[in-house]
């Protein structure tokens, strides 16, 4: 059972607007996801997809996310605007719903 985790991070360009300032939560979440792939998900087929939020604004809105970082797991909205909770992410990824 493959797990696809997509994170829309604070970056991108659209309509002549370009995001230039950093996002601490996005950087932290990226590090957490990379670490989790090696630890909590070790041995499981996990794909992490990173997409710039502004460039993919409409796509993230379709999942219900409007505030980066937005995390979607297997096509289901997980979180937005926060540093992710590792335990909740694992449970959601494996069960498909929040505990």
C-alpha atoms as a PDB file:
ATOM      1  CA  UNK A   1       0.000   0.000   0.000  1.00  0.00           C
ATOM      2  CA  UNK A   2       1.755   3.101  -1.284  1.00  0.00           C
ATOM      3  CA  UNK A   3       1.489   6.302   0.741  1.00  0.00           C
ATOM      4  CA  UNK A   4       1.658   9.619  -1.124  1.00  0.00           C
ATOM      5  CA  UNK A   5       2.226  12.686   1.024  1.00  0.00           C
ATOM      6  CA  UNK A   6       1.900  16.006  -0.798  1.00  0.00           C
ATOM      7  CA  UNK A   7       2.964  19.248   0.850  1.00  0.00           C
ATOM      8  CA  UNK A   8       2.115  22.634  -0.631  1.00  0.00           C
ATOM      9  CA  UNK A   9       4.799  24.960   0.733  1.00  0.00           C
ATOM     10  CA  UNK A  10       4.993  28.771   0.873  1.00  0.00           C
ATOM     11  CA  UNK A  11       6.531  29.549  -2.498  1.00  0.00           C
ATOM     12  CA  UNK A  12       5.585  29.883  -6.120  1.00  0.00           C
ATOM     13  CA  UNK A  13       4.551  32.368  -8.725  1.00  0.00           C
ATOM     14  CA  UNK A  14       1.188  33.231 -10.284  1.00  0.00           C
ATOM     15  CA  UNK A  15      -0.464  36.257 -11.896  1.00  0.00           C
ATOM     16  CA  UNK A  16       2.832  38.176 -11.768  1.00  0.00           C
ATOM     17  CA  UNK A  17       3.151  37.657  -8.007  1.00  0.00           C
ATOM     18  CA  UNK A  18       6.158  35.809  -6.635  1.00  0.00           C
ATOM     19  CA  UNK A  19       6.535  34.636  -3.038  1.00  0.00           C
ATOM     20  CA  UNK A  20       9.976  35.641  -1.768  1.00  0.00           C
ATOM     21  CA  UNK A  21       9.863  35.311   2.021  1.00  0.00           C
ATOM     22  CA  UNK A  22      10.578  32.015   3.810  1.00  0.00           C
ATOM     23  CA  UNK A  23       8.159  29.851   5.803  1.00  0.00           C
ATOM     24  CA  UNK A  24       9.525  28.285   8.981  1.00  0.00           C
ATOM     25  CA  UNK A  25       6.654  25.804   9.300  1.00  0.00           C
ATOM     26  CA  UNK A  26       7.204  24.656   5.702  1.00  0.00           C
ATOM     27  CA  UNK A  27      10.915  24.062   6.297  1.00  0.00           C
ATOM     28  CA  UNK A  28      10.239  22.199   9.544  1.00  0.00           C
ATOM     29  CA  UNK A  29       7.518  20.047   7.930  1.00  0.00           C
ATOM     30  CA  UNK A  30       9.807  19.168   5.028  1.00  0.00           C
ATOM     31  CA  UNK A  31      12.466  18.011   7.481  1.00  0.00           C
ATOM     32  CA  UNK A  32       9.923  16.039   9.513  1.00  0.00           C
ATOM     33  CA  UNK A  33       8.562  14.294   6.406  1.00  0.00           C
ATOM     34  CA  UNK A  34      12.053  13.347   5.221  1.00  0.00           C
ATOM     35  CA  UNK A  35      12.904  12.028   8.684  1.00  0.00           C
ATOM     36  CA  UNK A  36       9.629  10.108   8.957  1.00  0.00           C
ATOM     37  CA  UNK A  37      10.248   8.421   5.626  1.00  0.00           C
ATOM     38  CA  UNK A  38      13.413   6.937   7.111  1.00  0.00           C
ATOM     39  CA  UNK A  39      12.008   6.182  10.580  1.00  0.00           C
ATOM     40  CA  UNK A  40       8.261   5.754  11.050  1.00  0.00           C
ATOM     41  CA  UNK A  41       7.676   4.671   7.428  1.00  0.00           C
ATOM     42  CA  UNK A  42      10.893   2.708   6.990  1.00  0.00           C
ATOM     43  CA  UNK A  43      10.218  -0.182   4.654  1.00  0.00           C
ATOM     44  CA  UNK A  44       6.878   1.187   3.437  1.00  0.00           C
ATOM     45  CA  UNK A  45       6.526   2.684  -0.035  1.00  0.00           C
ATOM     46  CA  UNK A  46       6.203   6.406   0.709  1.00  0.00           C
ATOM     47  CA  UNK A  47       6.372   9.165  -1.880  1.00  0.00           C
ATOM     48  CA  UNK A  48       6.775  12.766  -0.730  1.00  0.00           C
ATOM     49  CA  UNK A  49       5.677  15.368  -3.257  1.00  0.00           C
ATOM     50  CA  UNK A  50       6.546  19.032  -2.685  1.00  0.00           C
ATOM     51  CA  UNK A  51       4.593  21.671  -4.589  1.00  0.00           C
ATOM     52  CA  UNK A  52       4.850  25.469  -4.373  1.00  0.00           C
ATOM     53  CA  UNK A  53       1.577  26.731  -2.922  1.00  0.00           C
ATOM     54  CA  UNK A  54       0.962  29.806  -5.063  1.00  0.00           C
ATOM     55  CA  UNK A  55       1.737  28.005  -8.315  1.00  0.00           C
ATOM     56  CA  UNK A  56      -0.713  25.249  -7.303  1.00  0.00           C
ATOM     57  CA  UNK A  57      -3.195  27.435  -5.437  1.00  0.00           C
ATOM     58  CA  UNK A  58      -6.367  26.054  -7.059  1.00  0.00           C
ATOM     59  CA  UNK A  59      -5.214  22.473  -6.539  1.00  0.00           C
ATOM     60  CA  UNK A  60      -4.624  23.041  -2.832  1.00  0.00           C
ATOM     61  CA  UNK A  61      -8.002  24.771  -2.511  1.00  0.00           C
ATOM     62  CA  UNK A  62      -9.699  21.706  -4.007  1.00  0.00           C
ATOM     63  CA  UNK A  63      -8.428  19.771  -0.957  1.00  0.00           C
ATOM     64  CA  UNK A  64      -9.682  22.477   1.400  1.00  0.00           C
ATOM     65  CA  UNK A  65      -6.265  23.975   2.057  1.00  0.00           C
ATOM     66  CA  UNK A  66      -5.609  27.690   1.768  1.00  0.00           C
ATOM     67  CA  UNK A  67      -2.831  28.373   4.311  1.00  0.00           C
ATOM     68  CA  UNK A  68       0.607  26.880   3.604  1.00  0.00           C
ATOM     69  CA  UNK A  69       2.011  24.488   4.578  1.00  0.00           C
ATOM     70  CA  UNK A  70      -0.820  22.245   3.442  1.00  0.00           C
ATOM     71  CA  UNK A  71      -0.374  18.500   3.820  1.00  0.00           C
ATOM     72  CA  UNK A  72      -2.476  16.024   1.831  1.00  0.00           C
ATOM     73  CA  UNK A  73      -2.111  12.270   2.347  1.00  0.00           C
ATOM     74  CA  UNK A  74      -3.353   9.876  -0.314  1.00  0.00           C
ATOM     75  CA  UNK A  75      -5.598  12.595  -1.726  1.00  0.00           C
ATOM     76  CA  UNK A  76      -7.136  13.501   1.655  1.00  0.00           C
ATOM     77  CA  UNK A  77      -6.607  16.789   3.492  1.00  0.00           C
ATOM     78  CA  UNK A  78      -4.513  16.350   6.648  1.00  0.00           C
ATOM     79  CA  UNK A  79      -3.385  19.770   7.899  1.00  0.00           C
ATOM     80  CA  UNK A  80      -2.608  23.366   7.054  1.00  0.00           C
ATOM     81  CA  UNK A  81      -0.651  26.246   8.560  1.00  0.00           C
ATOM     82  CA  UNK A  82       0.953  24.190  11.328  1.00  0.00           C
ATOM     83  CA  UNK A  83       3.931  22.021  12.103  1.00  0.00           C
ATOM     84  CA  UNK A  84       2.689  18.465  11.636  1.00  0.00           C
ATOM     85  CA  UNK A  85       2.194  16.016  14.480  1.00  0.00           C
ATOM     86  CA  UNK A  86       4.196  12.894  13.622  1.00  0.00           C
ATOM     87  CA  UNK A  87       1.976  10.444  15.486  1.00  0.00           C
ATOM     88  CA  UNK A  88      -1.222  11.811  13.967  1.00  0.00           C
ATOM     89  CA  UNK A  89       0.317  11.785  10.490  1.00  0.00           C
ATOM     90  CA  UNK A  90       1.272   8.108  10.779  1.00  0.00           C
ATOM     91  CA  UNK A  91      -2.174   7.161  12.063  1.00  0.00           C
ATOM     92  CA  UNK A  92      -3.862   9.171   9.304  1.00  0.00           C
ATOM     93  CA  UNK A  93      -1.601   7.731   6.612  1.00  0.00           C
ATOM     94  CA  UNK A  94      -2.271   4.159   7.722  1.00  0.00           C
ATOM     95  CA  UNK A  95      -5.967   4.460   8.613  1.00  0.00           C
ATOM     96  CA  UNK A  96      -7.085   7.233   6.245  1.00  0.00           C
ATOM     97  CA  UNK A  97      -8.698   9.274   9.004  1.00  0.00           C
ATOM     98  CA  UNK A  98      -7.729  11.353  12.014  1.00  0.00           C
ATOM     99  CA  UNK A  99      -7.585   9.472  15.336  1.00  0.00           C
END
